[in-house]
Amino acid sequence: MASPPHILLMAPEASSDVAAALLAERLMARHGARISAAGRSALRATGAHMVQDTSWLGQVGLAAVLASVPLWWEIGRHVVGFVRSERPDAMVLFACRRFHLIFLGALHGKAPPVAWAYPPGDWVQSDDRDEEVLQSAGLFISAFEWQAARLGRQGARVVRVPHHSTLPLPSEASPAEAVAALPRRSDDSPVLGIMPGSRPDEVRRLMPILAEALRLLAADHPGLQAIVSQAPGVRGSRLARHLGGLPCPHVVSRLPVRVIAERADVAIACCGTASTEVAVADCPQVIVYKPAWLTAKAMQRLGKRKDIRFLSMLNLGMDQRVAPELLHSDCTPERIATEVARLLGGADARAQMRSLYARFRQAMSHGSWDEAADAIVELARSPRPLPSP
C-alpha cells in the first residue's frame, strides 16, 4: 500500500488561503495526505504543518509591493530550504505568478511535480502570459471556464473547481445572535451593506469616500440603515474614525460578507473577493476601488495595452458589465451615491443584475475539489521531469 503523499501548498495571499484550505481538507480526507503549507489562518485551521505564515502580507499597490520585497524574499528562502530538505511529493502553487516563478527558479530544476491552482492572469484574456506558467506545471486547477478552455487549447491538463466563494458557508460562520443583531430592512428602511475590503490600505483609502457617500444617500433616504463589514485583520478603530457623526443608524459586523449581503438591499463592495461574495448572496451592488495614484496609473496603462475592460471577478467571469465598477478617479462619493440610488429606486435594475448573478453562480460552480485532490495525488505518484521555468 502506497504511503500517504506529502503535499506542499503555497498560498501566500488571503483569498488563495481559503481555496488552499478547501484543497487541504479534500487531500487529507480522501488520501490521508500530509500537508505542509505557506499561508494564513484558513490553512492553519486545517491542521496543516505551517512552513511559513504569510498573514503579514496584506498590502496592494506598487509602493507597498516594493516595500514588501524583503518579506517575499524571506518566504521564498525559507520554503526553498524546506523543499530541499523535506522533498515533498508535489507542490500546489496558488496565483502569485512572478513570486512563484522566481521560487521555482531558485530550486534549479529540482522541484517536485507542480500543480498551479487559480493560475494567475485571470484579468488578461490573451494567451501571451501563459508560456512560463505552462512550462512550470504538469496540472492546472481553475474556477474560470474561459481560462480552463484557454489553457486546454495550449495543451495543458486542467481540472475545473467551483470557486471557493460559491460554496456553502459553514454553519458556525453565522451565529444566530450575531445575525439577529443586524438591521432589518423594510420599504421605509432600506439596508446598505458597506464592504471596504480586507487590506488596511484599501480600508484607509476607501472609508472616507464611502462614509461621505453614505451621508449623501442618507439625505435622500431618511430611513437608510447601514452594515459595515469589518474583515479579519482590520482594526475597528480604522473604521470608527470615519463613522462618527453619520446621519443614519449603522452597525459594524465581523460576520462574513456573504451573511451581511443577505441582509442588505444594496451593497457597496471593494473590488475583489468581497464583490464576488456579494454576487453569491444575490445582493445588487456597486463595485469600488481606489488604489494609490502610481498604482492607478500603472493599472490604467496595463488596461489599455491589454484591452482589459473589467477588474472584478464578477464582470470578468461573465465578460460583461454585471455590476458598475467605479475605479480610480471614478471612485467618488457622488458617483457612488448616484449608482446606489439608482439601484435602491430601480426594481428593474436590481432584477436584471440578479438575473446575471444567477448565470455567474452557475458558471463558477462547475467542477470538483475532490477531482482536483485526486489529480494532485496522481501527479505526486507519477513524477516526471519538468523543465525549469
Protein backbone atom coordinates (compact mmCIF):
# COMPACT_ATOMS: atom_id res chain seq x y z
CA MET A 1 0.00 0.00 0.00
CA ALA A 2 1.35 3.41 -1.01
CA SER A 3 2.34 5.73 1.81
CA PRO A 4 0.32 8.94 2.20
CA PRO A 5 1.62 11.66 -0.12
CA HIS A 6 3.30 14.75 1.25
CA ILE A 7 1.89 17.85 -0.48
CA LEU A 8 3.16 21.42 -0.10
CA LEU A 9 0.55 24.15 -0.66
CA MET A 10 1.82 27.66 -1.43
CA ALA A 11 -0.97 30.22 -0.88
CA PRO A 12 0.52 33.48 0.39
CA GLU A 13 -2.49 35.74 -0.23
CA ALA A 14 -5.77 35.89 1.69
CA SER A 15 -8.22 34.64 -0.96
CA SER A 16 -5.85 31.87 -2.04
CA ASP A 17 -5.52 30.76 1.57
CA VAL A 18 -9.24 29.98 1.70
CA ALA A 19 -9.12 27.95 -1.52
CA ALA A 20 -5.98 26.13 -0.38
CA ALA A 21 -7.70 25.18 2.87
CA LEU A 22 -10.52 23.56 0.88
CA LEU A 23 -7.98 21.59 -1.12
CA ALA A 24 -6.05 20.59 2.01
CA GLU A 25 -9.22 19.21 3.59
CA ARG A 26 -10.02 17.13 0.50
CA LEU A 27 -6.45 15.82 0.22
CA MET A 28 -6.47 14.72 3.86
CA ALA A 29 -9.97 13.24 3.78
CA ARG A 30 -9.58 11.31 0.53
CA HIS A 31 -5.91 10.34 0.59
CA GLY A 32 -4.66 10.83 4.14
CA ALA A 33 -2.19 13.31 2.70
CA ARG A 34 0.38 15.02 4.87
CA ILE A 35 0.01 18.75 4.20
CA SER A 36 2.67 21.40 4.62
CA ALA A 37 1.82 24.97 3.75
CA ALA A 38 2.82 28.58 3.36
CA GLY A 39 -0.36 30.52 4.01
CA ARG A 40 -2.67 32.03 6.59
CA SER A 41 -5.38 31.30 9.11
CA ALA A 42 -7.61 29.13 6.92
CA LEU A 43 -4.77 26.72 6.15
CA ARG A 44 -3.65 26.75 9.77
CA ALA A 45 -7.17 25.75 10.85
CA THR A 46 -6.96 22.56 8.76
CA GLY A 47 -4.09 21.28 10.90
CA ALA A 48 -1.55 21.65 8.10
CA HIS A 49 2.10 21.97 9.09
CA MET A 50 2.77 25.69 8.59
CA VAL A 51 6.17 26.10 6.97
CA GLN A 52 5.60 29.86 6.73
CA ASP A 53 2.85 32.16 8.00
CA THR A 54 2.12 34.90 5.44
CA SER A 55 -0.58 36.80 7.32
CA TRP A 56 1.55 39.94 7.42
CA LEU A 57 1.48 40.18 3.61
CA GLY A 58 -1.64 42.28 3.13
CA GLN A 59 -0.81 45.33 1.01
CA VAL A 60 -1.51 46.17 -2.61
CA GLY A 61 -0.05 48.85 -4.87
CA LEU A 62 3.38 49.43 -6.35
CA ALA A 63 4.87 51.21 -3.34
CA ALA A 64 3.58 48.59 -0.92
CA VAL A 65 4.77 45.75 -3.14
CA LEU A 66 8.26 47.26 -3.37
CA ALA A 67 8.35 47.74 0.39
CA SER A 68 7.38 44.09 0.92
CA VAL A 69 10.07 42.63 -1.38
CA PRO A 70 12.28 41.64 1.60
CA LEU A 71 9.32 39.81 3.13
CA TRP A 72 8.62 37.90 -0.09
CA TRP A 73 12.33 37.08 -0.35
CA GLU A 74 12.31 35.70 3.20
CA ILE A 75 9.28 33.49 2.40
CA GLY A 76 10.97 32.16 -0.72
CA ARG A 77 14.27 31.49 1.02
CA HIS A 78 12.59 29.67 3.90
CA VAL A 79 10.35 27.49 1.71
CA VAL A 80 13.13 26.68 -0.78
CA GLY A 81 15.13 25.32 2.16
CA PHE A 82 12.14 23.29 3.28
CA VAL A 83 11.63 21.76 -0.20
CA ARG A 84 15.30 20.83 -0.45
CA SER A 85 15.36 19.16 2.96
CA GLU A 86 11.89 17.57 3.14
CA ARG A 87 11.35 16.75 -0.56
CA PRO A 88 7.53 16.84 -0.73
CA ASP A 89 5.91 14.62 -3.34
CA ALA A 90 4.18 17.53 -5.08
CA MET A 91 3.64 21.28 -4.75
CA VAL A 92 0.49 23.27 -5.43
CA LEU A 93 1.02 26.96 -6.19
CA PHE A 94 -1.86 29.42 -5.82
CA ALA A 95 -1.75 32.54 -8.03
CA CYS A 96 1.22 34.96 -7.40
CA ARG A 97 2.74 34.38 -10.83
CA ARG A 98 6.02 36.28 -10.57
CA PHE A 99 6.81 35.18 -7.00
CA HIS A 100 6.19 31.51 -7.73
CA LEU A 101 8.23 31.55 -10.95
CA ILE A 102 11.17 33.06 -9.05
CA PHE A 103 10.62 30.49 -6.30
CA LEU A 104 10.72 27.62 -8.83
CA GLY A 105 13.82 29.09 -10.44
CA ALA A 106 15.56 29.06 -7.06
CA LEU A 107 15.06 25.29 -6.95
CA HIS A 108 17.22 24.96 -10.09
CA GLY A 109 15.03 22.40 -11.83
CA LYS A 110 14.81 20.17 -8.75
CA ALA A 111 11.22 20.98 -7.83
CA PRO A 112 8.81 18.10 -7.25
CA PRO A 113 5.86 17.85 -9.65
CA VAL A 114 3.94 21.14 -9.69
CA ALA A 115 0.24 21.93 -9.93
CA TRP A 116 -0.90 25.53 -10.33
CA ALA A 117 -4.26 26.37 -8.76
CA TYR A 118 -6.12 29.56 -9.63
CA PRO A 119 -3.39 30.27 -12.18
CA PRO A 120 -2.59 33.99 -12.38
CA GLY A 121 -3.51 36.35 -15.18
CA ASP A 122 -7.27 36.00 -14.69
CA TRP A 123 -7.78 39.59 -15.78
CA VAL A 124 -5.80 39.17 -19.03
CA GLN A 125 -7.81 37.17 -21.56
CA SER A 126 -4.99 36.64 -24.05
CA ASP A 127 -2.55 33.74 -24.29
CA ASP A 128 0.69 35.71 -24.23
CA ARG A 129 1.28 35.48 -20.45
CA ASP A 130 0.90 31.70 -20.25
CA GLU A 131 4.16 30.31 -21.62
CA GLU A 132 6.28 30.42 -18.46
CA VAL A 133 3.42 29.17 -16.31
CA LEU A 134 2.65 26.33 -18.73
CA GLN A 135 6.27 25.18 -18.70
CA SER A 136 6.40 25.16 -14.91
CA ALA A 137 3.47 22.87 -14.07
CA GLY A 138 2.01 19.50 -15.01
CA LEU A 139 -1.53 20.28 -13.83
CA PHE A 140 -3.76 23.35 -13.63
CA ILE A 141 -6.78 23.94 -11.41
CA SER A 142 -9.13 26.73 -12.45
CA ALA A 143 -12.54 28.09 -11.47
CA PHE A 144 -12.87 30.07 -14.72
CA GLU A 145 -14.47 28.34 -17.68
CA TRP A 146 -12.79 30.59 -20.24
CA GLN A 147 -9.41 30.27 -18.53
CA ALA A 148 -9.64 26.47 -18.41
CA ALA A 149 -10.51 26.47 -22.12
CA ARG A 150 -7.60 28.78 -22.90
CA LEU A 151 -5.10 26.60 -21.05
CA GLY A 152 -6.59 23.47 -22.60
CA ARG A 153 -6.08 24.90 -26.09
CA GLN A 154 -2.40 25.20 -25.27
CA GLY A 155 -2.13 21.54 -24.31
CA ALA A 156 -2.33 21.81 -20.52
CA ARG A 157 -4.16 19.36 -18.30
CA VAL A 158 -6.84 21.34 -16.49
CA VAL A 159 -9.26 20.41 -13.71
CA ARG A 160 -12.23 22.69 -13.07
CA VAL A 161 -13.23 23.50 -9.50
CA PRO A 162 -16.05 25.62 -8.09
CA HIS A 163 -14.74 28.95 -6.87
CA HIS A 164 -14.46 28.88 -3.08
CA SER A 165 -16.78 31.88 -2.69
CA THR A 166 -19.68 29.92 -4.27
CA LEU A 167 -19.57 27.07 -1.75
CA PRO A 168 -21.93 26.97 1.27
CA LEU A 169 -20.70 28.72 4.39
CA PRO A 170 -20.13 26.53 7.46
CA SER A 171 -22.94 26.86 9.96
CA GLU A 172 -20.61 28.20 12.66
CA ALA A 173 -19.80 31.19 10.42
CA SER A 174 -23.16 32.79 11.25
CA PRO A 175 -24.02 32.72 14.98
CA ALA A 176 -27.76 33.25 15.31
CA GLU A 177 -27.42 36.01 17.88
CA ALA A 178 -24.97 37.98 15.70
CA VAL A 179 -27.25 37.70 12.67
CA ALA A 180 -30.27 38.75 14.74
CA ALA A 181 -28.42 41.92 15.77
CA LEU A 182 -28.18 43.13 12.17
CA PRO A 183 -30.65 45.79 10.96
CA ARG A 184 -33.83 44.54 9.34
CA ARG A 185 -34.82 46.03 6.02
CA SER A 186 -38.25 47.31 5.06
CA ASP A 187 -39.78 49.55 2.37
CA ASP A 188 -39.19 52.59 4.55
CA SER A 189 -35.84 51.50 5.96
CA PRO A 190 -33.54 50.07 3.26
CA VAL A 191 -30.26 48.50 4.39
CA LEU A 192 -26.98 49.30 2.69
CA GLY A 193 -24.04 46.91 3.05
CA ILE A 194 -20.58 48.54 3.15
CA MET A 195 -17.64 46.24 2.33
CA PRO A 196 -14.45 48.37 2.37
CA GLY A 197 -12.04 45.46 1.85
CA SER A 198 -9.73 43.26 3.89
CA ARG A 199 -6.40 45.06 3.43
CA PRO A 200 -5.57 48.01 5.68
CA ASP A 201 -4.53 50.24 2.78
CA GLU A 202 -7.79 49.51 0.94
CA VAL A 203 -9.79 50.46 4.01
CA ARG A 204 -7.72 53.60 4.59
CA ARG A 205 -8.37 54.89 1.07
CA LEU A 206 -11.99 53.79 0.71
CA MET A 207 -13.57 54.54 4.08
CA PRO A 208 -13.54 58.36 3.81
CA ILE A 209 -15.15 58.08 0.37
CA LEU A 210 -17.72 55.52 1.48
CA ALA A 211 -18.62 57.50 4.61
CA GLU A 212 -19.26 60.62 2.52
CA ALA A 213 -21.33 58.61 0.02
CA LEU A 214 -23.36 57.31 2.94
CA ARG A 215 -24.02 60.87 4.12
CA LEU A 216 -25.23 61.85 0.65
CA LEU A 217 -27.51 58.82 0.45
CA ALA A 218 -28.92 59.34 3.95
CA ALA A 219 -30.02 62.85 2.96
CA ASP A 220 -32.23 61.42 0.19
CA HIS A 221 -33.26 58.23 2.02
CA PRO A 222 -34.21 59.24 5.59
CA GLY A 223 -34.79 55.65 6.75
CA LEU A 224 -31.50 54.31 5.41
CA GLN A 225 -29.54 51.91 7.64
CA ALA A 226 -26.02 50.57 7.10
CA ILE A 227 -23.99 47.47 7.97
CA VAL A 228 -20.23 47.97 7.73
CA SER A 229 -18.16 44.82 7.28
CA GLN A 230 -15.06 44.51 9.46
CA ALA A 231 -12.78 41.98 7.82
CA PRO A 232 -10.29 39.91 9.83
CA GLY A 233 -7.11 41.92 10.28
CA VAL A 234 -8.87 45.30 10.03
CA ARG A 235 -8.93 47.21 13.31
CA GLY A 236 -12.26 48.55 14.46
CA SER A 237 -10.63 51.92 15.18
CA ARG A 238 -9.74 52.26 11.49
CA LEU A 239 -13.46 52.08 10.67
CA ALA A 240 -14.75 54.03 13.67
CA ARG A 241 -12.80 57.18 12.84
CA HIS A 242 -14.86 57.57 9.66
CA LEU A 243 -18.25 56.50 11.03
CA GLY A 244 -18.69 59.08 13.77
CA GLY A 245 -21.50 61.53 13.16
CA LEU A 246 -23.15 59.63 10.35
CA PRO A 247 -26.78 60.77 9.95
CA CYS A 248 -28.14 57.23 9.75
CA PRO A 249 -28.15 54.14 12.01
CA HIS A 250 -25.23 51.79 11.37
CA VAL A 251 -23.54 48.76 12.86
CA VAL A 252 -20.09 47.26 12.35
CA SER A 253 -20.14 43.49 11.90
CA ARG A 254 -17.46 40.80 11.82
CA LEU A 255 -19.85 38.34 10.14
CA PRO A 256 -18.86 37.02 6.71
CA VAL A 257 -19.50 39.38 3.81
CA ARG A 258 -22.00 36.94 2.35
CA VAL A 259 -24.10 36.96 5.52
CA ILE A 260 -24.13 40.75 5.65
CA ALA A 261 -25.05 40.95 1.96
CA GLU A 262 -28.00 38.64 2.51
CA ARG A 263 -29.44 41.24 4.92
CA ALA A 264 -28.82 44.24 2.62
CA ASP A 265 -30.90 45.71 -0.19
CA VAL A 266 -27.80 47.05 -1.97
CA ALA A 267 -24.08 46.79 -1.24
CA ILE A 268 -21.01 48.89 -1.95
CA ALA A 269 -18.18 46.36 -2.24
CA CYS A 270 -14.44 46.72 -2.62
CA CYS A 271 -13.30 45.03 -5.83
CA GLY A 272 -12.03 41.56 -5.00
CA THR A 273 -13.35 38.60 -3.08
CA ALA A 274 -15.95 40.81 -1.35
CA SER A 275 -17.70 41.69 -4.61
CA THR A 276 -17.83 38.01 -5.55
CA GLU A 277 -19.33 37.12 -2.16
CA VAL A 278 -21.98 39.81 -2.63
CA ALA A 279 -22.93 38.33 -6.00
CA VAL A 280 -23.20 34.87 -4.46
CA ALA A 281 -25.53 36.37 -1.83
CA ASP A 282 -27.69 37.80 -4.66
CA CYS A 283 -27.39 41.38 -3.38
CA PRO A 284 -27.29 44.17 -6.02
CA GLN A 285 -24.05 46.10 -5.72
CA VAL A 286 -21.72 48.85 -6.81
CA ILE A 287 -18.05 47.78 -7.03
CA VAL A 288 -15.43 50.32 -5.95
CA TYR A 289 -11.66 50.53 -5.81
CA LYS A 290 -9.27 53.38 -5.00
CA PRO A 291 -5.59 52.46 -5.34
CA ALA A 292 -2.69 54.83 -4.83
CA TRP A 293 -2.03 57.26 -7.67
CA LEU A 294 1.03 55.42 -9.02
CA THR A 295 -0.77 52.07 -8.90
CA ALA A 296 -3.82 53.56 -10.65
CA LYS A 297 -1.66 54.88 -13.49
CA ALA A 298 0.06 51.51 -13.90
CA MET A 299 -3.30 49.69 -13.92
CA GLN A 300 -4.71 52.12 -16.49
CA ARG A 301 -1.69 51.65 -18.77
CA LEU A 302 -1.97 47.86 -18.48
CA GLY A 303 -5.69 48.06 -19.17
CA LYS A 304 -5.16 49.98 -22.40
CA ARG A 305 -2.27 47.79 -23.56
CA LYS A 306 -4.08 44.52 -22.86
CA ASP A 307 -7.60 45.75 -23.70
CA ILE A 308 -8.80 44.94 -20.18
CA ARG A 309 -12.40 46.09 -19.80
CA PHE A 310 -13.08 44.97 -16.23
CA LEU A 311 -11.29 44.44 -12.94
CA SER A 312 -13.77 42.49 -10.79
CA MET A 313 -14.05 38.72 -10.91
CA LEU A 314 -17.80 39.11 -11.35
CA ASN A 315 -17.59 41.13 -14.57
CA LEU A 316 -14.56 39.20 -15.83
CA GLY A 317 -16.28 35.88 -15.25
CA MET A 318 -19.28 36.98 -17.32
CA ASP A 319 -17.21 39.08 -19.76
CA GLN A 320 -19.78 41.86 -19.43
CA ARG A 321 -20.77 44.67 -17.07
CA VAL A 322 -22.91 42.90 -14.50
CA ALA A 323 -22.32 45.49 -11.78
CA PRO A 324 -20.90 49.01 -12.17
CA GLU A 325 -17.19 49.38 -11.41
CA LEU A 326 -16.19 52.78 -10.02
CA LEU A 327 -12.41 52.66 -10.10
CA HIS A 328 -9.58 55.15 -9.65
CA SER A 329 -10.82 58.70 -10.40
CA ASP A 330 -14.41 57.45 -10.83
CA CYS A 331 -14.48 56.31 -7.20
CA THR A 332 -16.03 59.45 -5.72
CA PRO A 333 -18.80 59.87 -3.12
CA GLU A 334 -21.06 61.49 -5.71
CA ARG A 335 -20.66 58.73 -8.32
CA ILE A 336 -21.14 56.02 -5.70
CA ALA A 337 -24.26 57.70 -4.28
CA THR A 338 -25.74 58.08 -7.75
CA GLU A 339 -25.25 54.39 -8.62
CA VAL A 340 -26.56 53.17 -5.26
CA ALA A 341 -29.61 55.42 -5.52
CA ARG A 342 -30.31 54.02 -8.99
CA LEU A 343 -30.37 50.51 -7.56
CA LEU A 344 -32.36 51.42 -4.45
CA GLY A 345 -35.01 53.08 -6.60
CA GLY A 346 -34.96 50.73 -9.57
CA ALA A 347 -36.62 47.33 -9.18
CA ASP A 348 -35.87 46.53 -12.84
CA ALA A 349 -32.17 47.31 -12.43
CA ARG A 350 -31.96 45.07 -9.36
CA ALA A 351 -33.81 42.25 -11.13
CA GLN A 352 -31.54 42.44 -14.17
CA MET A 353 -28.43 42.27 -12.00
CA ARG A 354 -29.80 39.27 -10.10
CA SER A 355 -30.55 37.50 -13.38
CA LEU A 356 -26.90 37.89 -14.39
CA TYR A 357 -25.79 36.83 -10.91
CA ALA A 358 -27.60 33.51 -11.41
CA ARG A 359 -25.64 32.87 -14.60
CA PHE A 360 -22.39 33.85 -12.86
CA ARG A 361 -23.01 31.48 -9.95
CA GLN A 362 -23.75 28.64 -12.35
CA ALA A 363 -20.60 29.31 -14.38
CA MET A 364 -18.41 29.42 -11.26
CA SER A 365 -19.90 26.31 -9.65
CA HIS A 366 -18.70 23.69 -12.13
CA GLY A 367 -16.10 21.11 -11.25
CA SER A 368 -14.99 19.33 -8.12
CA TRP A 369 -12.36 19.88 -5.44
CA ASP A 370 -12.39 16.10 -4.91
CA GLU A 371 -11.35 15.62 -8.54
CA ALA A 372 -8.61 18.23 -8.05
CA ALA A 373 -7.31 16.40 -4.98
CA ASP A 374 -7.27 13.09 -6.87
CA ALA A 375 -5.40 14.66 -9.80
CA ILE A 376 -2.76 16.15 -7.49
CA VAL A 377 -2.14 12.80 -5.80
CA GLU A 378 -1.89 11.14 -9.21
CA LEU A 379 0.67 13.80 -10.18
CA ALA A 380 2.59 13.19 -6.96
CA ARG A 381 2.70 9.43 -7.51
CA SER A 382 3.69 9.66 -11.16
CA PRO A 383 6.65 12.03 -11.01
CA ARG A 384 8.20 13.11 -14.24
CA PRO A 385 10.90 15.66 -15.01
CA LEU A 386 9.61 19.16 -15.61
CA PRO A 387 11.60 21.83 -17.42
CA SER A 388 12.86 24.73 -15.37
CA PRO A 389 10.88 27.95 -15.84
